Amino acid sequence: MRKEVPLIITFLAGAFFIADYFIPHTGFSDLAAKINGWAIIVLAASYILGVLNILRINYGRVAKREKDWILKLILVLCMFFMLGAGIFGGITEGTLFDWFFVNTFTPMQATMFALLAFYIASAAFRAFRVRTVQAALLAITAVLVMIGRVPIGETIWKSFPDFTEWIMNVPQLAGKRAILIGAALGAIATGLKVITGLERTYMGQD
C-alpha cells in the first residue's frame, strides 16, 4: 500500500486536471478551483517550513561562531525584518516593505547580475572556440549581435541595430521556439510518465 496509494492519488489528480483543462464542459471547474485553493494552502505551509528550515540550519552555525556566521546572522535578521514589515505594514507601493525591496534588494540584484556578466563573457569566450561550421556561425552571430547592441555598431553601419533586431526576431526566435516546443514535449512526456506510474522518483525510488 505504501506504493499503490501515492500512485493512485497521482493518477487520479493528474487525470482530473487533464480532463478539466481539455474537456471544460465536464463540470469539474468548481471542484478544480477548490483543489487549487487547497494547493495554495499547502504552498503557504511550505513557506512556513522554509522559514523554520532556515532557522534550523543557521542557528547552530551562529551559536557556534562557525565560518561566516555574521552573514548567516544578517540573513536571519533580514528575513524576520522583512517578514514583520510585510505582515504589519503591508506590501503595497509606498510601504516600508516596498521601500526596502526597491532600494535594497533590487540594487543588490542588479549588482549580482552585473558581476555575473563578466563570468558569462568569460564562459562565452571559452565556448566560442571555432572548431566546426556550427561553432563558427554561433561565434559570428554573437559578435554581430554584440556589436549591434552598442553605439559603435551604429557608427560602423547605420542599419546595424536594425540588422541585429532582425537576427533576434527571426532566426534566433525561430530556434528559441523550437527549443521551447521540444522542452514542452519533454515536460508532457515526463508528466504522463508520472501519472501512469512509470516515473517514481517523487517517492524516493529510481
C-alpha atoms as a PDB file:
ATOM      1  CA  MET A   1       0.000   0.000   0.000  1.00  0.00           C
ATOM      2  CA  ARG A   2       2.915   2.375   0.529  1.00  0.00           C
ATOM      3  CA  LYS A   3       3.498   2.279  -3.220  1.00  0.00           C
ATOM      4  CA  GLU A   4      -0.029   1.862  -4.558  1.00  0.00           C
ATOM      5  CA  VAL A   5      -1.727   4.702  -2.643  1.00  0.00           C
ATOM      6  CA  PRO A   6       0.614   7.509  -3.863  1.00  0.00           C
ATOM      7  CA  LEU A   7       0.399   6.146  -7.411  1.00  0.00           C
ATOM      8  CA  ILE A   8      -3.408   6.082  -7.300  1.00  0.00           C
ATOM      9  CA  ILE A   9      -3.606   9.619  -5.882  1.00  0.00           C
ATOM     10  CA  THR A  10      -1.166  10.914  -8.505  1.00  0.00           C
ATOM     11  CA  PHE A  11      -3.047   9.229 -11.331  1.00  0.00           C
ATOM     12  CA  LEU A  12      -6.458  10.492 -10.200  1.00  0.00           C
ATOM     13  CA  ALA A  13      -5.197  14.047  -9.646  1.00  0.00           C
ATOM     14  CA  GLY A  14      -3.403  14.132 -12.995  1.00  0.00           C
ATOM     15  CA  ALA A  15      -6.357  12.673 -14.900  1.00  0.00           C
ATOM     16  CA  PHE A  16      -8.742  15.083 -13.162  1.00  0.00           C
ATOM     17  CA  PHE A  17      -6.828  18.243 -14.131  1.00  0.00           C
ATOM     18  CA  ILE A  18      -6.211  16.979 -17.657  1.00  0.00           C
ATOM     19  CA  ALA A  19      -9.944  16.396 -18.079  1.00  0.00           C
ATOM     20  CA  ASP A  20     -10.776  19.795 -16.594  1.00  0.00           C
ATOM     21  CA  TYR A  21      -8.358  21.573 -18.961  1.00  0.00           C
ATOM     22  CA  PHE A  22      -9.081  19.763 -22.218  1.00  0.00           C
ATOM     23  CA  ILE A  23     -12.783  18.995 -21.616  1.00  0.00           C
ATOM     24  CA  PRO A  24     -14.142  22.152 -19.932  1.00  0.00           C
ATOM     25  CA  HIS A  25     -17.810  21.118 -20.212  1.00  0.00           C
ATOM     26  CA  THR A  26     -17.307  18.216 -17.771  1.00  0.00           C
ATOM     27  CA  GLY A  27     -18.352  20.439 -14.857  1.00  0.00           C
ATOM     28  CA  PHE A  28     -15.119  19.917 -12.948  1.00  0.00           C
ATOM     29  CA  SER A  29     -14.272  23.635 -12.872  1.00  0.00           C
ATOM     30  CA  ASP A  30     -15.689  24.374  -9.405  1.00  0.00           C
ATOM     31  CA  LEU A  31     -14.031  21.328  -7.868  1.00  0.00           C
ATOM     32  CA  ALA A  32     -10.768  22.164  -9.633  1.00  0.00           C
ATOM     33  CA  ALA A  33     -10.895  25.688  -8.178  1.00  0.00           C
ATOM     34  CA  LYS A  34     -11.343  24.232  -4.678  1.00  0.00           C
ATOM     35  CA  ILE A  35      -8.436  21.841  -5.156  1.00  0.00           C
ATOM     36  CA  ASN A  36      -6.271  24.718  -6.376  1.00  0.00           C
ATOM     37  CA  GLY A  37      -7.237  26.594  -3.215  1.00  0.00           C
ATOM     38  CA  TRP A  38      -6.083  23.638  -1.145  1.00  0.00           C
ATOM     39  CA  ALA A  39      -2.822  23.617  -3.097  1.00  0.00           C
ATOM     40  CA  ILE A  40      -2.293  27.284  -2.232  1.00  0.00           C
ATOM     41  CA  ILE A  41      -2.803  26.455   1.453  1.00  0.00           C
ATOM     42  CA  VAL A  42      -0.217  23.670   1.211  1.00  0.00           C
ATOM     43  CA  LEU A  43       2.131  26.062  -0.561  1.00  0.00           C
ATOM     44  CA  ALA A  44       1.701  28.607   2.249  1.00  0.00           C
ATOM     45  CA  ALA A  45       2.523  25.902   4.773  1.00  0.00           C
ATOM     46  CA  SER A  46       5.666  25.078   2.811  1.00  0.00           C
ATOM     47  CA  TYR A  47       6.807  28.694   3.219  1.00  0.00           C
ATOM     48  CA  ILE A  48       6.499  28.281   6.992  1.00  0.00           C
ATOM     49  CA  LEU A  49       8.558  25.098   6.781  1.00  0.00           C
ATOM     50  CA  GLY A  50      11.115  27.035   4.705  1.00  0.00           C
ATOM     51  CA  VAL A  51      11.457  29.692   7.396  1.00  0.00           C
ATOM     52  CA  LEU A  52      11.847  27.047  10.086  1.00  0.00           C
ATOM     53  CA  ASN A  53      14.433  25.242   7.966  1.00  0.00           C
ATOM     54  CA  ILE A  54      16.470  28.438   7.558  1.00  0.00           C
ATOM     55  CA  LEU A  55      16.420  28.888  11.330  1.00  0.00           C
ATOM     56  CA  ARG A  56      17.371  25.258  11.910  1.00  0.00           C
ATOM     57  CA  ILE A  57      20.335  25.423   9.554  1.00  0.00           C
ATOM     58  CA  ASN A  58      21.699  28.823  10.573  1.00  0.00           C
ATOM     59  CA  TYR A  59      21.008  28.914  14.320  1.00  0.00           C
ATOM     60  CA  GLY A  60      23.580  26.263  15.184  1.00  0.00           C
ATOM     61  CA  ARG A  61      26.221  27.848  12.967  1.00  0.00           C
ATOM     62  CA  VAL A  62      25.650  31.268  14.506  1.00  0.00           C
ATOM     63  CA  ALA A  63      25.692  29.849  18.040  1.00  0.00           C
ATOM     64  CA  LYS A  64      28.967  28.003  17.365  1.00  0.00           C
ATOM     65  CA  ARG A  65      30.527  31.028  15.627  1.00  0.00           C
ATOM     66  CA  GLU A  66      31.350  28.994  12.555  1.00  0.00           C
ATOM     67  CA  LYS A  67      32.822  30.485   9.392  1.00  0.00           C
ATOM     68  CA  ASP A  68      30.794  33.411   8.003  1.00  0.00           C
ATOM     69  CA  TRP A  69      28.420  33.285  10.963  1.00  0.00           C
ATOM     70  CA  ILE A  70      27.943  37.049  10.736  1.00  0.00           C
ATOM     71  CA  LEU A  71      26.455  36.651   7.239  1.00  0.00           C
ATOM     72  CA  LYS A  72      24.098  33.945   8.477  1.00  0.00           C
ATOM     73  CA  LEU A  73      23.005  36.172  11.360  1.00  0.00           C
ATOM     74  CA  ILE A  74      22.333  39.020   8.925  1.00  0.00           C
ATOM     75  CA  LEU A  75      20.303  36.622   6.781  1.00  0.00           C
ATOM     76  CA  VAL A  76      18.079  35.605   9.690  1.00  0.00           C
ATOM     77  CA  LEU A  77      17.638  39.177  10.960  1.00  0.00           C
ATOM     78  CA  CYS A  78      16.759  40.473   7.493  1.00  0.00           C
ATOM     79  CA  MET A  79      14.304  37.628   6.995  1.00  0.00           C
ATOM     80  CA  PHE A  80      12.444  38.475  10.204  1.00  0.00           C
ATOM     81  CA  PHE A  81      12.603  42.206   9.489  1.00  0.00           C
ATOM     82  CA  MET A  82      11.062  41.852   6.019  1.00  0.00           C
ATOM     83  CA  LEU A  83       8.548  39.316   7.322  1.00  0.00           C
ATOM     84  CA  GLY A  84       7.436  41.712  10.041  1.00  0.00           C
ATOM     85  CA  ALA A  85       7.349  44.679   7.675  1.00  0.00           C
ATOM     86  CA  GLY A  86       5.187  42.741   5.232  1.00  0.00           C
ATOM     87  CA  ILE A  87       2.769  41.399   7.843  1.00  0.00           C
ATOM     88  CA  PHE A  88       2.252  44.577   9.880  1.00  0.00           C
ATOM     89  CA  GLY A  89       2.854  47.253   7.247  1.00  0.00           C
ATOM     90  CA  GLY A  90       1.609  45.618   4.066  1.00  0.00           C
ATOM     91  CA  ILE A  91       3.432  45.053   0.786  1.00  0.00           C
ATOM     92  CA  THR A  92       1.760  47.665  -1.386  1.00  0.00           C
ATOM     93  CA  GLU A  93       3.595  50.551  -3.008  1.00  0.00           C
ATOM     94  CA  GLY A  94       4.887  53.136  -0.547  1.00  0.00           C
ATOM     95  CA  THR A  95       5.098  50.810   2.459  1.00  0.00           C
ATOM     96  CA  LEU A  96       8.254  50.064   4.443  1.00  0.00           C
ATOM     97  CA  PHE A  97       8.461  46.637   2.833  1.00  0.00           C
ATOM     98  CA  ASP A  98       8.249  48.142  -0.643  1.00  0.00           C
ATOM     99  CA  TRP A  99      10.866  50.793   0.184  1.00  0.00           C
ATOM    100  CA  PHE A 100      13.422  48.240   1.379  1.00  0.00           C
ATOM    101  CA  PHE A 101      12.660  45.944  -1.540  1.00  0.00           C
ATOM    102  CA  VAL A 102      13.133  48.691  -4.147  1.00  0.00           C
ATOM    103  CA  ASN A 103      16.116  50.401  -2.513  1.00  0.00           C
ATOM    104  CA  THR A 104      17.960  47.373  -1.095  1.00  0.00           C
ATOM    105  CA  PHE A 105      17.062  44.131  -2.798  1.00  0.00           C
ATOM    106  CA  THR A 106      16.750  45.483  -6.342  1.00  0.00           C
ATOM    107  CA  PRO A 107      20.176  47.251  -6.354  1.00  0.00           C
ATOM    108  CA  MET A 108      21.854  44.170  -4.861  1.00  0.00           C
ATOM    109  CA  GLN A 109      20.214  42.013  -7.505  1.00  0.00           C
ATOM    110  CA  ALA A 110      21.413  44.364 -10.250  1.00  0.00           C
ATOM    111  CA  THR A 111      24.936  44.254  -8.794  1.00  0.00           C
ATOM    112  CA  MET A 112      24.891  40.458  -8.751  1.00  0.00           C
ATOM    113  CA  PHE A 113      23.813  40.263 -12.386  1.00  0.00           C
ATOM    114  CA  ALA A 114      26.452  42.846 -13.335  1.00  0.00           C
ATOM    115  CA  LEU A 115      29.125  40.656 -11.747  1.00  0.00           C
ATOM    116  CA  LEU A 116      27.698  37.571 -13.422  1.00  0.00           C
ATOM    117  CA  ALA A 117      28.017  39.314 -16.778  1.00  0.00           C
ATOM    118  CA  PHE A 118      31.827  39.067 -16.545  1.00  0.00           C
ATOM    119  CA  TYR A 119      31.642  35.336 -15.828  1.00  0.00           C
ATOM    120  CA  ILE A 120      29.191  34.876 -18.701  1.00  0.00           C
ATOM    121  CA  ALA A 121      31.530  36.756 -21.035  1.00  0.00           C
ATOM    122  CA  SER A 122      34.427  34.559 -19.920  1.00  0.00           C
ATOM    123  CA  ALA A 123      32.379  31.383 -20.439  1.00  0.00           C
ATOM    124  CA  ALA A 124      31.227  32.612 -23.843  1.00  0.00           C
ATOM    125  CA  PHE A 125      34.830  33.280 -24.877  1.00  0.00           C
ATOM    126  CA  ARG A 126      35.768  29.707 -23.977  1.00  0.00           C
ATOM    127  CA  ALA A 127      32.658  28.310 -25.665  1.00  0.00           C
ATOM    128  CA  PHE A 128      33.183  30.198 -28.932  1.00  0.00           C
ATOM    129  CA  ARG A 129      36.240  28.212 -29.949  1.00  0.00           C
ATOM    130  CA  VAL A 130      35.727  27.786 -33.659  1.00  0.00           C
ATOM    131  CA  ARG A 131      36.222  24.098 -34.393  1.00  0.00           C
ATOM    132  CA  THR A 132      33.189  23.336 -36.541  1.00  0.00           C
ATOM    133  CA  VAL A 133      30.987  25.191 -39.005  1.00  0.00           C
ATOM    134  CA  GLN A 134      28.209  25.422 -36.419  1.00  0.00           C
ATOM    135  CA  ALA A 135      30.597  26.923 -33.859  1.00  0.00           C
ATOM    136  CA  ALA A 136      31.780  29.440 -36.451  1.00  0.00           C
ATOM    137  CA  LEU A 137      28.205  30.507 -37.206  1.00  0.00           C
ATOM    138  CA  LEU A 138      27.498  30.839 -33.493  1.00  0.00           C
ATOM    139  CA  ALA A 139      30.596  32.945 -32.913  1.00  0.00           C
ATOM    140  CA  ILE A 140      29.955  35.221 -35.911  1.00  0.00           C
ATOM    141  CA  THR A 141      26.335  35.748 -34.937  1.00  0.00           C
ATOM    142  CA  ALA A 142      27.277  36.513 -31.341  1.00  0.00           C
ATOM    143  CA  VAL A 143      29.839  39.078 -32.417  1.00  0.00           C
ATOM    144  CA  LEU A 144      27.374  40.751 -34.788  1.00  0.00           C
ATOM    145  CA  VAL A 145      24.691  40.939 -32.106  1.00  0.00           C
ATOM    146  CA  MET A 146      27.095  42.362 -29.523  1.00  0.00           C
ATOM    147  CA  ILE A 147      28.390  44.998 -31.949  1.00  0.00           C
ATOM    148  CA  GLY A 148      24.847  45.940 -32.958  1.00  0.00           C
ATOM    149  CA  ARG A 149      23.840  46.418 -29.332  1.00  0.00           C
ATOM    150  CA  VAL A 150      26.472  49.090 -28.591  1.00  0.00           C
ATOM    151  CA  PRO A 151      26.810  52.613 -30.056  1.00  0.00           C
ATOM    152  CA  ILE A 152      29.892  51.705 -32.075  1.00  0.00           C
ATOM    153  CA  GLY A 153      27.734  49.397 -34.203  1.00  0.00           C
ATOM    154  CA  GLU A 154      25.579  52.247 -35.457  1.00  0.00           C
ATOM    155  CA  THR A 155      28.766  54.234 -36.131  1.00  0.00           C
ATOM    156  CA  ILE A 156      30.132  51.453 -38.322  1.00  0.00           C
ATOM    157  CA  TRP A 157      26.842  50.934 -40.187  1.00  0.00           C
ATOM    158  CA  LYS A 158      23.681  52.967 -39.695  1.00  0.00           C
ATOM    159  CA  SER A 159      21.428  49.919 -40.128  1.00  0.00           C
ATOM    160  CA  PHE A 160      23.462  47.693 -37.767  1.00  0.00           C
ATOM    161  CA  PRO A 161      20.913  47.927 -34.906  1.00  0.00           C
ATOM    162  CA  ASP A 162      18.076  47.022 -37.290  1.00  0.00           C
ATOM    163  CA  PHE A 163      20.094  44.081 -38.595  1.00  0.00           C
ATOM    164  CA  THR A 164      20.691  42.943 -35.030  1.00  0.00           C
ATOM    165  CA  GLU A 165      16.966  43.148 -34.285  1.00  0.00           C
ATOM    166  CA  TRP A 166      16.280  41.029 -37.380  1.00  0.00           C
ATOM    167  CA  ILE A 167      18.709  38.386 -36.114  1.00  0.00           C
ATOM    168  CA  MET A 168      16.991  38.345 -32.722  1.00  0.00           C
ATOM    169  CA  ASN A 169      13.433  38.375 -34.077  1.00  0.00           C
ATOM    170  CA  VAL A 170      13.746  35.906 -36.958  1.00  0.00           C
ATOM    171  CA  PRO A 171      16.464  33.189 -36.799  1.00  0.00           C
ATOM    172  CA  GLN A 172      17.051  33.455 -33.040  1.00  0.00           C
ATOM    173  CA  LEU A 173      13.357  33.446 -32.207  1.00  0.00           C
ATOM    174  CA  ALA A 174      12.726  30.516 -34.535  1.00  0.00           C
ATOM    175  CA  GLY A 175      15.421  28.457 -32.831  1.00  0.00           C
ATOM    176  CA  LYS A 176      14.182  29.530 -29.389  1.00  0.00           C
ATOM    177  CA  ARG A 177      10.647  28.442 -30.198  1.00  0.00           C
ATOM    178  CA  ALA A 178      11.899  25.098 -31.465  1.00  0.00           C
ATOM    179  CA  ILE A 179      13.744  24.566 -28.178  1.00  0.00           C
ATOM    180  CA  LEU A 180      10.637  25.562 -26.186  1.00  0.00           C
ATOM    181  CA  ILE A 181       8.479  23.154 -28.198  1.00  0.00           C
ATOM    182  CA  GLY A 182      10.974  20.366 -27.508  1.00  0.00           C
ATOM    183  CA  ALA A 183      11.051  21.254 -23.803  1.00  0.00           C
ATOM    184  CA  ALA A 184       7.239  21.305 -23.688  1.00  0.00           C
ATOM    185  CA  LEU A 185       7.048  17.874 -25.319  1.00  0.00           C
ATOM    186  CA  GLY A 186       9.588  16.602 -22.797  1.00  0.00           C
ATOM    187  CA  ALA A 187       7.540  18.051 -19.933  1.00  0.00           C
ATOM    188  CA  ILE A 188       4.388  16.405 -21.293  1.00  0.00           C
ATOM    189  CA  ALA A 189       6.174  13.066 -21.612  1.00  0.00           C
ATOM    190  CA  THR A 190       7.525  13.349 -18.063  1.00  0.00           C
ATOM    191  CA  GLY A 191       4.076  14.277 -16.734  1.00  0.00           C
ATOM    192  CA  LEU A 192       2.483  11.276 -18.432  1.00  0.00           C
ATOM    193  CA  LYS A 193       5.196   9.015 -17.012  1.00  0.00           C
ATOM    194  CA  VAL A 194       4.474  10.356 -13.520  1.00  0.00           C
ATOM    195  CA  ILE A 195       0.707   9.971 -13.919  1.00  0.00           C
ATOM    196  CA  THR A 196       0.962   6.415 -15.250  1.00  0.00           C
ATOM    197  CA  GLY A 197       3.460   5.391 -12.570  1.00  0.00           C
ATOM    198  CA  LEU A 198       6.440   4.833 -14.855  1.00  0.00           C
ATOM    199  CA  GLU A 199       8.346   7.662 -13.120  1.00  0.00           C
ATOM    200  CA  ARG A 200       8.541   7.164  -9.348  1.00  0.00           C
ATOM    201  CA  THR A 201      11.423   9.379  -8.276  1.00  0.00           C
ATOM    202  CA  TYR A 202       8.997  11.594  -6.323  1.00  0.00           C
ATOM    203  CA  MET A 203       8.521   8.614  -3.988  1.00  0.00           C
ATOM    204  CA  GLY A 204      12.246   8.278  -3.413  1.00  0.00           C
ATOM    205  CA  GLN A 205      12.617   5.469  -5.960  1.00  0.00           C
ATOM    206  CA  ASP A 206      14.580   5.219  -9.179  1.00  0.00           C
END
